[in-house]
């Protein structure tokens, strides 16, 4: 125990407190959140709290547990001796330690943007929908934010409290459950064989959406054919403009970095993207209509723009072998566009695993490719809740892009792995979810959506994923939207990646292990042992810099390396770029 500076306490067999249809066993998902963030940690069972916790700078209790007397005493001793404790979803019956009073369970609410600045809440610019947790009232602690509950009573959301030489930070809403629920949404009710349904988002289509300010009438998509109540033409300017799952992830990460900043420790982090990139862009195309002339037009436009993209393709006649060969030769990705009901096995339902398998194999044959990495369902069709990920696993599909549209309807811009969250010890699906933002500005939505959506992805350090259909390429406005999308994202410093490249990078960086040892050198420093089972060129490493720190030294495998200083999640980090492969030792001192 104690290979890392962070210990995360989870009991995978204990359901969350409270009722409702939100996930019961979401707490272990904190491992996914921290792993994606590149933060090293030890995963602990509650029994570990009885032992000495002196090896840790931070302990996170990821759910509202009923601790034994000995476990509670271990936590109190850890904090009094200078450690930082972060609690999520409740106090574990230790109200006094957190400086608050618990007043019952929280079913659903809205985390309010605070009026006063604080390093933990600095990323909150609007209210954020949360699901589950505890209602608390700060007593001796300081409330950093409030929750507006459904009954209008309200409660404190984030409470900070100094205890001895240590500190506690309570996130009363269940951040982990909220992230998972927003991302994985609700069950799609089974539908008749010849119909399908889109996944309904967990977010509120009224309260959680925002209106984008668009002033030029010709910057709008075609109007709704039905006039509004006032008889005037209506243009849709509303969408899910806030990536709420990303915001809740960011809230937890800000709490972690705040704890280490106060402790003066340079926490090592493996950043999301190589070369210090803040965010990236991705474009996919759904092959509706399958007219090869339109596909060629889009192909030549992308060639002019020097952008490689992911072509989600139905296994039906239309696109020629010549076109598939051109896609492969020019570095594009050929992916599946699963269109229900194309199987010759008509005794199966339209939404059918047999049909899906047939389409995967048929597209591989048509395009002459050894494997298909990515998929997006035609019409964004979805049935059930998680079963389709099992289908993908079974056929080797590693990326699923179906969730999205209308902005951040599923809460985020980051790729994530889904989890079976309704049973104890839920397992992960080996399928990376890559949500998309919107489709075909000027045709389906206003072109004015492009920049605010890209801005939000950039601010969240995620992926700006836009969908453009070849079937609309002959519309001059749609071609202009593609050009504007590419130009604007490049102005933000985004690189354009294909889905298979995002998948390979994310899986590669997840395999990197970071072992920490505190340095005996002068000043605050740390020595890390890094192991990368596969090459990760130009990987980005961050080291949290203490307050007032303006200088330092970094070395990789004994050789001095340069670093720059960047701000991420409201904190300053020393940034080092390195080619990782095999074992390395990196040191950083301030």
Foldseek 3Di string as FASTA:
>chain_A
DQLDQEEEEDFLAAFADDDDDFFGRQLVCVCQLCLLFQFDYHYDYLVCLLDAPVSHQEYEYQGQAQHDPSSVVSVLVCQQVAHEYEYAQDDNPPCVQQQKAWDFKAAKWWKAQFPDDDLLRNVDDGIFIFGIGTAIAGHQWDQRTKIQGPVRPIGGAWTKDRHNNGIYIYGRTNLRSRLQCLQLDDADADDALVDFDAGAGPDDQPPQKDFDDDDDPLLKADWDPDADPVRHTDTDRIFRLALRNLSSSLSVVSVVLVSCQVVQAFRKGFHNDFPPALEAEAEEAEAVPLAQVLVVLVVVLCVVVVFAHEYAYWLDPHHALVNLVVNVVSPHAYAHAQEFPPDPPVVDGSPDLVSVLVRQVSVCVRSVHPHHAEYEYVVLGDHTGCVVLVSCLVRNHAEYESAEARANSSRDQAKGWHWDRHRRPIGTRNHIYGYAYHEQDNHPTGLSVLVSRLVNCSLSSGYHYYYYYSVCCVPVVSSVSVVVNSVNNVVSVHYYDYPVVSSVQSVQSSQKHWGWDFDPDPAHKIKIKIAGQAKDARTKMKIFGHPPDDDKWKDKQRHTFAWDWDDHSRTIITIGTHIDHGIMMMMIHD
